[in-house]
Amino acid sequence: MKNPVGSEFSLYGKDGIIVGVIKDTYFKSLHEKINPQVFHLYNDEVTESYFSTLFFRINGNIPQTLDFINKIWSENNPGVPFEYHFLDQDYENLYKKDRQIAGVLSLFTILAVFIACLGLFGQAVIASENKIKEIGIRKVNGARISEILTLLNKDFVRWVVIAFVIATPIAYYAMYKWLENFPG
């Protein structure tokens, strides 16, 4: 429908008119595809008791409000247990696995960077010790500090560029595969 507002629809044998459209409303995990949602004004609990979920925004005293809702629920729905969930906690649970994976990846990333830094430090020490005499001769002959730093760093820069060239497509592929878990 190009302009659905004002159009008629039928839901569970009840007719209604579309009064508004909300684009891409999530009520599930972002790992799932967005499905159409219908928000219906609850007019009569006897004839419209097919609804299984009610949403309330609570401001103020939460336990007192929950007791009040439970009392009204018990009066109108005897024998049906009153169950409630907080949406922020439900959404938190939807992404618990993602947070655990992020934590493990962060730990291994820190470990990998630490090991790489140790390797670079070791390589720097070895390179500088091997070139002590060369650095001394160059310095005596008037070499500038930038020339000496270039001499020492050209090997490291080469290895860093090679590592970057190898790591970039791997990181891109891993990110692409991870983002495939999120439709739309």
N, C-alpha and C. Protein backbone atom coordinates (compact mmCIF):
# COMPACT_ATOMS: atom_id res chain seq x y z
N MET A 1 0.84 -1.18 0.00
CA MET A 1 0.00 0.00 0.00
C MET A 1 0.89 1.24 0.00
N LYS A 2 0.61 2.15 -0.91
CA LYS A 2 1.42 3.38 -0.99
C LYS A 2 1.09 4.33 0.14
N ASN A 3 -0.19 4.50 0.45
CA ASN A 3 -0.60 5.38 1.55
C ASN A 3 -1.64 4.63 2.38
N PRO A 4 -1.20 3.81 3.36
CA PRO A 4 -2.13 2.97 4.10
C PRO A 4 -2.99 3.71 5.12
N VAL A 5 -2.60 4.91 5.54
CA VAL A 5 -3.35 5.63 6.56
C VAL A 5 -4.76 5.91 6.03
N GLY A 6 -5.75 5.52 6.83
CA GLY A 6 -7.14 5.70 6.45
C GLY A 6 -7.74 4.47 5.79
N SER A 7 -6.92 3.49 5.44
CA SER A 7 -7.43 2.26 4.83
C SER A 7 -8.04 1.35 5.89
N GLU A 8 -8.94 0.50 5.45
CA GLU A 8 -9.58 -0.45 6.36
C GLU A 8 -8.80 -1.75 6.36
N PHE A 9 -8.86 -2.46 7.51
CA PHE A 9 -8.22 -3.76 7.62
C PHE A 9 -9.05 -4.63 8.55
N SER A 10 -8.75 -5.92 8.54
CA SER A 10 -9.44 -6.86 9.41
C SER A 10 -8.40 -7.67 10.16
N LEU A 11 -8.60 -7.81 11.47
CA LEU A 11 -7.69 -8.55 12.32
C LEU A 11 -8.50 -9.38 13.30
N TYR A 12 -8.31 -10.69 13.26
CA TYR A 12 -9.04 -11.61 14.13
C TYR A 12 -10.55 -11.38 14.04
N GLY A 13 -11.02 -11.15 12.84
CA GLY A 13 -12.44 -10.95 12.62
C GLY A 13 -12.95 -9.58 13.01
N LYS A 14 -12.09 -8.70 13.42
CA LYS A 14 -12.48 -7.33 13.78
C LYS A 14 -12.02 -6.39 12.69
N ASP A 15 -12.87 -5.46 12.32
CA ASP A 15 -12.53 -4.46 11.32
C ASP A 15 -11.97 -3.22 12.00
N GLY A 16 -11.09 -2.53 11.28
CA GLY A 16 -10.52 -1.32 11.82
C GLY A 16 -10.01 -0.42 10.71
N ILE A 17 -9.54 0.75 11.09
CA ILE A 17 -8.98 1.72 10.15
C ILE A 17 -7.55 2.01 10.59
N ILE A 18 -6.66 2.04 9.63
CA ILE A 18 -5.26 2.34 9.91
C ILE A 18 -5.13 3.83 10.19
N VAL A 19 -4.63 4.17 11.38
CA VAL A 19 -4.51 5.58 11.76
C VAL A 19 -3.06 6.06 11.74
N GLY A 20 -2.11 5.15 11.59
CA GLY A 20 -0.71 5.55 11.55
C GLY A 20 0.18 4.38 11.17
N VAL A 21 1.38 4.69 10.72
CA VAL A 21 2.34 3.68 10.33
C VAL A 21 3.68 4.02 10.99
N ILE A 22 4.28 3.02 11.59
CA ILE A 22 5.60 3.18 12.19
C ILE A 22 6.57 2.32 11.38
N LYS A 23 7.67 2.92 10.95
CA LYS A 23 8.63 2.20 10.11
C LYS A 23 9.59 1.38 10.98
N ASP A 24 9.73 0.10 10.64
CA ASP A 24 10.72 -0.80 11.23
C ASP A 24 10.76 -0.77 12.75
N THR A 25 9.68 -1.23 13.38
CA THR A 25 9.61 -1.32 14.82
C THR A 25 10.13 -2.68 15.25
N TYR A 26 11.12 -2.71 16.14
CA TYR A 26 11.70 -3.97 16.61
C TYR A 26 11.07 -4.37 17.92
N PHE A 27 10.56 -5.59 17.98
CA PHE A 27 10.10 -6.18 19.23
C PHE A 27 10.85 -7.47 19.50
N LYS A 28 11.75 -7.80 18.63
CA LYS A 28 12.57 -9.00 18.79
C LYS A 28 14.02 -8.60 18.60
N SER A 29 14.88 -9.57 18.56
CA SER A 29 16.30 -9.31 18.38
C SER A 29 16.58 -8.77 16.99
N LEU A 30 17.65 -7.99 16.87
CA LEU A 30 18.06 -7.50 15.56
C LEU A 30 18.58 -8.63 14.67
N HIS A 31 18.74 -9.82 15.25
CA HIS A 31 19.14 -11.00 14.47
C HIS A 31 17.98 -11.53 13.64
N GLU A 32 16.78 -11.11 13.96
CA GLU A 32 15.59 -11.58 13.24
C GLU A 32 15.09 -10.51 12.28
N LYS A 33 14.43 -10.97 11.23
CA LYS A 33 13.88 -10.05 10.24
C LYS A 33 12.71 -9.27 10.84
N ILE A 34 12.56 -8.03 10.41
CA ILE A 34 11.46 -7.20 10.90
C ILE A 34 10.16 -7.70 10.26
N ASN A 35 9.18 -8.01 11.11
CA ASN A 35 7.88 -8.45 10.62
C ASN A 35 6.85 -7.36 10.88
N PRO A 36 5.77 -7.35 10.12
CA PRO A 36 4.74 -6.34 10.36
C PRO A 36 4.15 -6.47 11.76
N GLN A 37 3.84 -5.36 12.36
CA GLN A 37 3.24 -5.31 13.69
C GLN A 37 1.94 -4.53 13.61
N VAL A 38 0.98 -4.93 14.41
CA VAL A 38 -0.28 -4.19 14.49
C VAL A 38 -0.46 -3.78 15.95
N PHE A 39 -0.66 -2.49 16.16
CA PHE A 39 -0.97 -1.98 17.49
C PHE A 39 -2.45 -1.65 17.49
N HIS A 40 -3.17 -2.29 18.39
CA HIS A 40 -4.63 -2.21 18.39
C HIS A 40 -5.09 -1.62 19.71
N LEU A 41 -6.02 -0.69 19.65
CA LEU A 41 -6.59 -0.11 20.86
C LEU A 41 -7.48 -1.15 21.52
N TYR A 42 -7.21 -1.48 22.77
CA TYR A 42 -7.92 -2.50 23.52
C TYR A 42 -9.19 -1.86 24.08
N ASN A 43 -10.33 -2.12 23.42
CA ASN A 43 -11.59 -1.49 23.82
C ASN A 43 -12.39 -2.31 24.81
N ASP A 44 -12.50 -3.62 24.59
CA ASP A 44 -13.39 -4.45 25.40
C ASP A 44 -12.67 -5.75 25.73
N GLU A 45 -12.37 -5.95 27.01
CA GLU A 45 -11.59 -7.13 27.39
C GLU A 45 -12.35 -8.43 27.20
N VAL A 46 -13.65 -8.40 27.22
CA VAL A 46 -14.43 -9.64 27.07
C VAL A 46 -14.36 -10.14 25.64
N THR A 47 -14.62 -9.26 24.67
CA THR A 47 -14.63 -9.69 23.28
C THR A 47 -13.24 -9.68 22.66
N GLU A 48 -12.29 -9.01 23.28
CA GLU A 48 -10.95 -8.92 22.71
C GLU A 48 -9.91 -9.55 23.64
N SER A 49 -10.26 -10.66 24.25
CA SER A 49 -9.35 -11.29 25.21
C SER A 49 -8.28 -12.14 24.54
N TYR A 50 -8.19 -12.07 23.22
CA TYR A 50 -7.16 -12.84 22.51
C TYR A 50 -5.79 -12.21 22.64
N PHE A 51 -5.71 -11.02 23.19
CA PHE A 51 -4.41 -10.39 23.35
C PHE A 51 -3.66 -11.09 24.48
N SER A 52 -2.39 -11.38 24.25
CA SER A 52 -1.60 -12.08 25.25
C SER A 52 -0.61 -11.16 25.95
N THR A 53 -0.42 -9.97 25.44
CA THR A 53 0.58 -9.09 26.00
C THR A 53 0.03 -7.68 26.11
N LEU A 54 0.25 -7.07 27.24
CA LEU A 54 -0.09 -5.66 27.44
C LEU A 54 1.19 -4.93 27.80
N PHE A 55 1.35 -3.73 27.30
CA PHE A 55 2.54 -2.93 27.59
C PHE A 55 2.13 -1.74 28.44
N PHE A 56 2.89 -1.50 29.49
CA PHE A 56 2.65 -0.35 30.36
C PHE A 56 3.95 0.41 30.53
N ARG A 57 3.86 1.71 30.55
CA ARG A 57 5.00 2.54 30.94
C ARG A 57 4.74 2.96 32.38
N ILE A 58 5.65 2.58 33.24
CA ILE A 58 5.47 2.84 34.67
C ILE A 58 6.39 3.97 35.09
N ASN A 59 5.80 4.98 35.66
CA ASN A 59 6.55 6.09 36.25
C ASN A 59 6.26 6.10 37.74
N GLY A 60 7.28 6.12 38.55
CA GLY A 60 7.05 6.19 39.99
C GLY A 60 7.35 4.88 40.68
N ASN A 61 6.49 4.55 41.62
CA ASN A 61 6.68 3.39 42.48
C ASN A 61 6.34 2.10 41.72
N ILE A 62 7.35 1.35 41.33
CA ILE A 62 7.14 0.14 40.50
C ILE A 62 6.42 -0.96 41.28
N PRO A 63 6.85 -1.32 42.51
CA PRO A 63 6.14 -2.39 43.22
C PRO A 63 4.66 -2.07 43.47
N GLN A 64 4.37 -0.83 43.83
CA GLN A 64 2.99 -0.43 44.08
C GLN A 64 2.18 -0.52 42.79
N THR A 65 2.75 -0.08 41.67
CA THR A 65 2.05 -0.13 40.39
C THR A 65 1.81 -1.57 39.96
N LEU A 66 2.81 -2.43 40.16
CA LEU A 66 2.64 -3.85 39.80
C LEU A 66 1.56 -4.50 40.65
N ASP A 67 1.50 -4.16 41.93
CA ASP A 67 0.43 -4.70 42.78
C ASP A 67 -0.94 -4.24 42.29
N PHE A 68 -1.04 -2.99 41.88
CA PHE A 68 -2.30 -2.46 41.36
C PHE A 68 -2.71 -3.18 40.07
N ILE A 69 -1.76 -3.38 39.17
CA ILE A 69 -2.07 -4.08 37.91
C ILE A 69 -2.45 -5.52 38.20
N ASN A 70 -1.74 -6.17 39.13
CA ASN A 70 -2.05 -7.55 39.50
C ASN A 70 -3.47 -7.65 40.06
N LYS A 71 -3.86 -6.69 40.88
CA LYS A 71 -5.21 -6.69 41.47
C LYS A 71 -6.27 -6.59 40.38
N ILE A 72 -6.08 -5.66 39.44
CA ILE A 72 -7.05 -5.50 38.35
C ILE A 72 -7.06 -6.75 37.47
N TRP A 73 -5.88 -7.31 37.20
CA TRP A 73 -5.80 -8.52 36.38
C TRP A 73 -6.55 -9.68 37.04
N SER A 74 -6.33 -9.86 38.33
CA SER A 74 -6.98 -10.97 39.05
C SER A 74 -8.49 -10.80 39.10
N GLU A 75 -8.97 -9.57 39.20
CA GLU A 75 -10.41 -9.33 39.22
C GLU A 75 -11.04 -9.65 37.87
N ASN A 76 -10.35 -9.32 36.78
CA ASN A 76 -10.92 -9.48 35.45
C ASN A 76 -10.56 -10.81 34.78
N ASN A 77 -9.52 -11.46 35.25
CA ASN A 77 -9.08 -12.73 34.66
C ASN A 77 -8.81 -13.76 35.76
N PRO A 78 -9.84 -14.17 36.47
CA PRO A 78 -9.60 -15.15 37.55
C PRO A 78 -9.10 -16.47 36.95
N GLY A 79 -8.13 -17.03 37.61
CA GLY A 79 -7.59 -18.31 37.15
C GLY A 79 -6.45 -18.18 36.16
N VAL A 80 -6.24 -16.99 35.63
CA VAL A 80 -5.13 -16.76 34.69
C VAL A 80 -4.02 -16.07 35.48
N PRO A 81 -2.84 -16.70 35.55
CA PRO A 81 -1.77 -16.09 36.36
C PRO A 81 -1.28 -14.77 35.75
N PHE A 82 -0.93 -13.86 36.64
CA PHE A 82 -0.37 -12.57 36.23
C PHE A 82 1.14 -12.72 36.14
N GLU A 83 1.68 -12.55 34.94
CA GLU A 83 3.11 -12.61 34.72
C GLU A 83 3.55 -11.29 34.10
N TYR A 84 4.72 -10.82 34.50
CA TYR A 84 5.21 -9.57 33.92
C TYR A 84 6.70 -9.68 33.65
N HIS A 85 7.12 -8.88 32.71
CA HIS A 85 8.53 -8.78 32.35
C HIS A 85 8.83 -7.31 32.10
N PHE A 86 10.04 -6.93 32.33
CA PHE A 86 10.47 -5.58 32.01
C PHE A 86 11.17 -5.62 30.66
N LEU A 87 10.75 -4.75 29.75
CA LEU A 87 11.29 -4.78 28.39
C LEU A 87 12.79 -4.54 28.34
N ASP A 88 13.31 -3.67 29.20
CA ASP A 88 14.74 -3.44 29.17
C ASP A 88 15.52 -4.71 29.51
N GLN A 89 15.00 -5.52 30.45
CA GLN A 89 15.66 -6.78 30.78
C GLN A 89 15.51 -7.80 29.65
N ASP A 90 14.34 -7.82 29.02
CA ASP A 90 14.13 -8.74 27.89
C ASP A 90 15.08 -8.40 26.74
N TYR A 91 15.23 -7.12 26.44
CA TYR A 91 16.15 -6.73 25.37
C TYR A 91 17.60 -7.02 25.76
N GLU A 92 17.90 -6.85 27.03
CA GLU A 92 19.25 -7.18 27.52
C GLU A 92 19.55 -8.66 27.28
N ASN A 93 18.58 -9.51 27.54
CA ASN A 93 18.76 -10.95 27.34
C ASN A 93 18.90 -11.32 25.87
N LEU A 94 18.28 -10.54 24.97
CA LEU A 94 18.38 -10.83 23.54
C LEU A 94 19.81 -10.74 23.04
N TYR A 95 20.61 -9.88 23.66
CA TYR A 95 21.96 -9.64 23.19
C TYR A 95 23.03 -10.13 24.16
N LYS A 96 22.65 -11.00 25.09
CA LYS A 96 23.61 -11.53 26.05
C LYS A 96 24.72 -12.30 25.34
N LYS A 97 24.37 -13.11 24.35
CA LYS A 97 25.37 -13.89 23.62
C LYS A 97 26.33 -12.97 22.87
N ASP A 98 25.80 -11.92 22.26
CA ASP A 98 26.66 -10.95 21.55
C ASP A 98 27.64 -10.29 22.51
N ARG A 99 27.18 -9.95 23.71
CA ARG A 99 28.08 -9.33 24.69
C ARG A 99 29.16 -10.30 25.16
N GLN A 100 28.79 -11.57 25.31
CA GLN A 100 29.79 -12.57 25.71
C GLN A 100 30.85 -12.74 24.62
N ILE A 101 30.41 -12.81 23.37
CA ILE A 101 31.35 -12.94 22.26
C ILE A 101 32.25 -11.70 22.19
N ALA A 102 31.67 -10.52 22.38
CA ALA A 102 32.46 -9.28 22.36
C ALA A 102 33.49 -9.28 23.48
N GLY A 103 33.13 -9.76 24.65
CA GLY A 103 34.07 -9.83 25.76
C GLY A 103 35.23 -10.76 25.48
N VAL A 104 34.93 -11.94 24.93
CA VAL A 104 35.99 -12.90 24.60
C VAL A 104 36.89 -12.34 23.50
N LEU A 105 36.28 -11.74 22.47
CA LEU A 105 37.08 -11.15 21.39
C LEU A 105 37.96 -10.00 21.91
N SER A 106 37.44 -9.21 22.81
CA SER A 106 38.24 -8.11 23.38
C SER A 106 39.44 -8.66 24.15
N LEU A 107 39.21 -9.71 24.92
CA LEU A 107 40.30 -10.32 25.68
C LEU A 107 41.39 -10.85 24.74
N PHE A 108 40.98 -11.58 23.71
CA PHE A 108 41.97 -12.13 22.78
C PHE A 108 42.64 -11.02 21.95
N THR A 109 41.92 -9.95 21.67
CA THR A 109 42.52 -8.83 20.94
C THR A 109 43.61 -8.17 21.78
N ILE A 110 43.30 -7.94 23.05
CA ILE A 110 44.29 -7.34 23.94
C ILE A 110 45.52 -8.25 24.06
N LEU A 111 45.28 -9.54 24.18
CA LEU A 111 46.38 -10.50 24.28
C LEU A 111 47.22 -10.49 23.00
N ALA A 112 46.56 -10.47 21.83
CA ALA A 112 47.29 -10.47 20.56
C ALA A 112 48.10 -9.19 20.39
N VAL A 113 47.53 -8.05 20.75
CA VAL A 113 48.26 -6.78 20.64
C VAL A 113 49.45 -6.77 21.59
N PHE A 114 49.28 -7.30 22.80
CA PHE A 114 50.38 -7.36 23.77
C PHE A 114 51.52 -8.24 23.23
N ILE A 115 51.17 -9.41 22.68
CA ILE A 115 52.19 -10.30 22.13
C ILE A 115 52.89 -9.64 20.93
N ALA A 116 52.11 -8.96 20.09
CA ALA A 116 52.71 -8.27 18.94
C ALA A 116 53.66 -7.17 19.40
N CYS A 117 53.27 -6.43 20.44
CA CYS A 117 54.15 -5.38 20.97
C CYS A 117 55.43 -5.96 21.54
N LEU A 118 55.33 -7.10 22.21
CA LEU A 118 56.54 -7.76 22.72
C LEU A 118 57.45 -8.17 21.57
N GLY A 119 56.85 -8.68 20.50
CA GLY A 119 57.64 -9.06 19.32
C GLY A 119 58.32 -7.87 18.68
N LEU A 120 57.59 -6.77 18.54
CA LEU A 120 58.19 -5.56 17.97
C LEU A 120 59.30 -5.01 18.86
N PHE A 121 59.07 -5.05 20.17
CA PHE A 121 60.10 -4.57 21.09
C PHE A 121 61.35 -5.44 20.98
N GLY A 122 61.17 -6.75 20.92
CA GLY A 122 62.31 -7.65 20.78
C GLY A 122 63.05 -7.43 19.48
N GLN A 123 62.29 -7.23 18.43
CA GLN A 123 62.91 -6.98 17.12
C GLN A 123 63.66 -5.64 17.13
N ALA A 124 63.10 -4.65 17.80
CA ALA A 124 63.77 -3.34 17.89
C ALA A 124 65.08 -3.45 18.67
N VAL A 125 65.07 -4.20 19.74
CA VAL A 125 66.29 -4.37 20.54
C VAL A 125 67.36 -5.08 19.72
N ILE A 126 66.97 -6.15 19.04
CA ILE A 126 67.94 -6.90 18.23
C ILE A 126 68.49 -6.04 17.10
N ALA A 127 67.61 -5.31 16.41
CA ALA A 127 68.05 -4.47 15.30
C ALA A 127 68.98 -3.36 15.78
N SER A 128 68.64 -2.74 16.90
CA SER A 128 69.49 -1.64 17.38
C SER A 128 70.84 -2.16 17.88
N GLU A 129 70.86 -3.33 18.49
CA GLU A 129 72.14 -3.89 18.94
C GLU A 129 73.02 -4.30 17.76
N ASN A 130 72.38 -4.81 16.70
CA ASN A 130 73.14 -5.22 15.52
C ASN A 130 73.69 -4.01 14.75
N LYS A 131 73.08 -2.85 14.93
CA LYS A 131 73.49 -1.68 14.14
C LYS A 131 74.13 -0.61 14.99
N ILE A 132 74.59 -0.95 16.19
CA ILE A 132 75.21 0.05 17.07
C ILE A 132 76.45 0.67 16.41
N LYS A 133 77.31 -0.17 15.85
CA LYS A 133 78.53 0.36 15.22
C LYS A 133 78.19 1.21 14.00
N GLU A 134 77.21 0.74 13.20
CA GLU A 134 76.82 1.50 12.00
C GLU A 134 76.24 2.86 12.38
N ILE A 135 75.42 2.87 13.44
CA ILE A 135 74.83 4.14 13.90
C ILE A 135 75.93 5.08 14.38
N GLY A 136 76.89 4.53 15.13
CA GLY A 136 77.99 5.37 15.62
C GLY A 136 78.80 5.96 14.48
N ILE A 137 79.12 5.16 13.47
CA ILE A 137 79.90 5.65 12.33
C ILE A 137 79.12 6.72 11.58
N ARG A 138 77.84 6.49 11.36
CA ARG A 138 77.00 7.47 10.64
C ARG A 138 76.90 8.78 11.44
N LYS A 139 76.76 8.66 12.76
CA LYS A 139 76.63 9.85 13.60
C LYS A 139 77.94 10.67 13.57
N VAL A 140 79.06 9.97 13.62
CA VAL A 140 80.35 10.66 13.56
C VAL A 140 80.52 11.35 12.22
N ASN A 141 80.04 10.75 11.15
CA ASN A 141 80.17 11.33 9.82
C ASN A 141 79.08 12.38 9.53
N GLY A 142 78.25 12.74 10.54
CA GLY A 142 77.31 13.86 10.38
C GLY A 142 75.89 13.46 9.97
N ALA A 143 75.50 12.24 10.20
CA ALA A 143 74.13 11.85 9.86
C ALA A 143 73.13 12.53 10.79
N ARG A 144 71.98 12.89 10.22
CA ARG A 144 70.94 13.51 11.03
C ARG A 144 70.16 12.42 11.78
N ILE A 145 69.45 12.84 12.81
CA ILE A 145 68.66 11.89 13.62
C ILE A 145 67.58 11.23 12.77
N SER A 146 66.98 11.99 11.86
CA SER A 146 65.93 11.41 11.01
C SER A 146 66.50 10.30 10.12
N GLU A 147 67.72 10.43 9.66
CA GLU A 147 68.33 9.38 8.84
C GLU A 147 68.59 8.12 9.67
N ILE A 148 69.00 8.30 10.90
CA ILE A 148 69.25 7.16 11.78
C ILE A 148 67.94 6.46 12.13
N LEU A 149 66.89 7.24 12.42
CA LEU A 149 65.58 6.64 12.71
C LEU A 149 65.04 5.90 11.49
N THR A 150 65.25 6.44 10.30
CA THR A 150 64.83 5.76 9.08
C THR A 150 65.57 4.44 8.93
N LEU A 151 66.83 4.44 9.22
CA LEU A 151 67.63 3.22 9.16
C LEU A 151 67.09 2.16 10.11
N LEU A 152 66.75 2.57 11.32
CA LEU A 152 66.25 1.63 12.32
C LEU A 152 64.81 1.18 12.04
N ASN A 153 63.98 2.06 11.54
CA ASN A 153 62.55 1.78 11.42
C ASN A 153 62.11 1.16 10.10
N LYS A 154 62.96 1.17 9.08
CA LYS A 154 62.48 0.68 7.78
C LYS A 154 62.10 -0.80 7.84
N ASP A 155 62.80 -1.60 8.64
CA ASP A 155 62.43 -3.02 8.77
C ASP A 155 61.08 -3.18 9.46
N PHE A 156 60.83 -2.37 10.50
CA PHE A 156 59.57 -2.47 11.23
C PHE A 156 58.39 -2.04 10.37
N VAL A 157 58.59 -0.96 9.66
CA VAL A 157 57.50 -0.44 8.81
C VAL A 157 57.13 -1.48 7.76
N ARG A 158 58.12 -2.14 7.21
CA ARG A 158 57.85 -3.18 6.21
C ARG A 158 56.99 -4.29 6.82
N TRP A 159 57.33 -4.74 8.02
CA TRP A 159 56.55 -5.81 8.66
C TRP A 159 55.15 -5.34 9.05
N VAL A 160 55.04 -4.10 9.47
CA VAL A 160 53.71 -3.57 9.82
C VAL A 160 52.83 -3.47 8.58
N VAL A 161 53.39 -3.03 7.46
CA VAL A 161 52.62 -2.95 6.21
C VAL A 161 52.20 -4.34 5.75
N ILE A 162 53.09 -5.31 5.83
CA ILE A 162 52.73 -6.68 5.45
C ILE A 162 51.62 -7.21 6.35
N ALA A 163 51.74 -6.98 7.64
CA ALA A 163 50.70 -7.43 8.57
C ALA A 163 49.36 -6.75 8.28
N PHE A 164 49.40 -5.46 7.95
CA PHE A 164 48.18 -4.73 7.62
C PHE A 164 47.53 -5.29 6.36
N VAL A 165 48.33 -5.58 5.36
CA VAL A 165 47.81 -6.12 4.10
C VAL A 165 47.18 -7.49 4.33
N ILE A 166 47.75 -8.29 5.20
CA ILE A 166 47.18 -9.61 5.49
C ILE A 166 45.95 -9.49 6.37
N ALA A 167 45.99 -8.63 7.37
CA ALA A 167 44.91 -8.55 8.35
C ALA A 167 43.65 -7.86 7.83
N THR A 168 43.80 -6.90 6.93
CA THR A 168 42.63 -6.14 6.47
C THR A 168 41.59 -7.00 5.79
N PRO A 169 41.93 -7.86 4.81
CA PRO A 169 40.88 -8.70 4.22
C PRO A 169 40.30 -9.71 5.20
N ILE A 170 41.12 -10.20 6.12
CA ILE A 170 40.60 -11.14 7.11
C ILE A 170 39.59 -10.45 8.02
N ALA A 171 39.92 -9.25 8.47
CA ALA A 171 39.01 -8.49 9.33
C ALA A 171 37.73 -8.13 8.57
N TYR A 172 37.87 -7.74 7.31
CA TYR A 172 36.69 -7.41 6.50
C TYR A 172 35.79 -8.62 6.35
N TYR A 173 36.37 -9.78 6.05
CA TYR A 173 35.59 -11.00 5.88
C TYR A 173 34.89 -11.39 7.19
N ALA A 174 35.61 -11.31 8.31
CA ALA A 174 35.02 -11.66 9.61
C ALA A 174 33.87 -10.71 9.94
N MET A 175 34.04 -9.41 9.70
CA MET A 175 32.98 -8.44 9.97
C MET A 175 31.78 -8.68 9.07
N TYR A 176 32.04 -9.00 7.80
CA TYR A 176 30.96 -9.29 6.86
C TYR A 176 30.15 -10.50 7.32
N LYS A 177 30.84 -11.55 7.75
CA LYS A 177 30.15 -12.76 8.22
C LYS A 177 29.36 -12.47 9.49
N TRP A 178 29.89 -11.65 10.38
CA TRP A 178 29.18 -11.31 11.60
C TRP A 178 27.93 -10.50 11.29
N LEU A 179 28.03 -9.56 10.34
CA LEU A 179 26.89 -8.73 10.00
C LEU A 179 25.81 -9.50 9.24
N GLU A 180 26.13 -10.67 8.69
CA GLU A 180 25.11 -11.51 8.06
C GLU A 180 24.08 -12.00 9.06
N ASN A 181 24.41 -11.97 10.36
CA ASN A 181 23.47 -12.39 11.40
C ASN A 181 22.36 -11.38 11.60
N PHE A 182 22.48 -10.20 11.01
CA PHE A 182 21.49 -9.15 11.18
C PHE A 182 20.79 -8.89 9.86
N PRO A 183 19.56 -9.36 9.67
CA PRO A 183 18.88 -9.13 8.40
C PRO A 183 18.47 -7.68 8.24
N GLY A 184 18.30 -7.29 6.97
CA GLY A 184 17.74 -5.99 6.64
C GLY A 184 18.67 -4.88 6.82
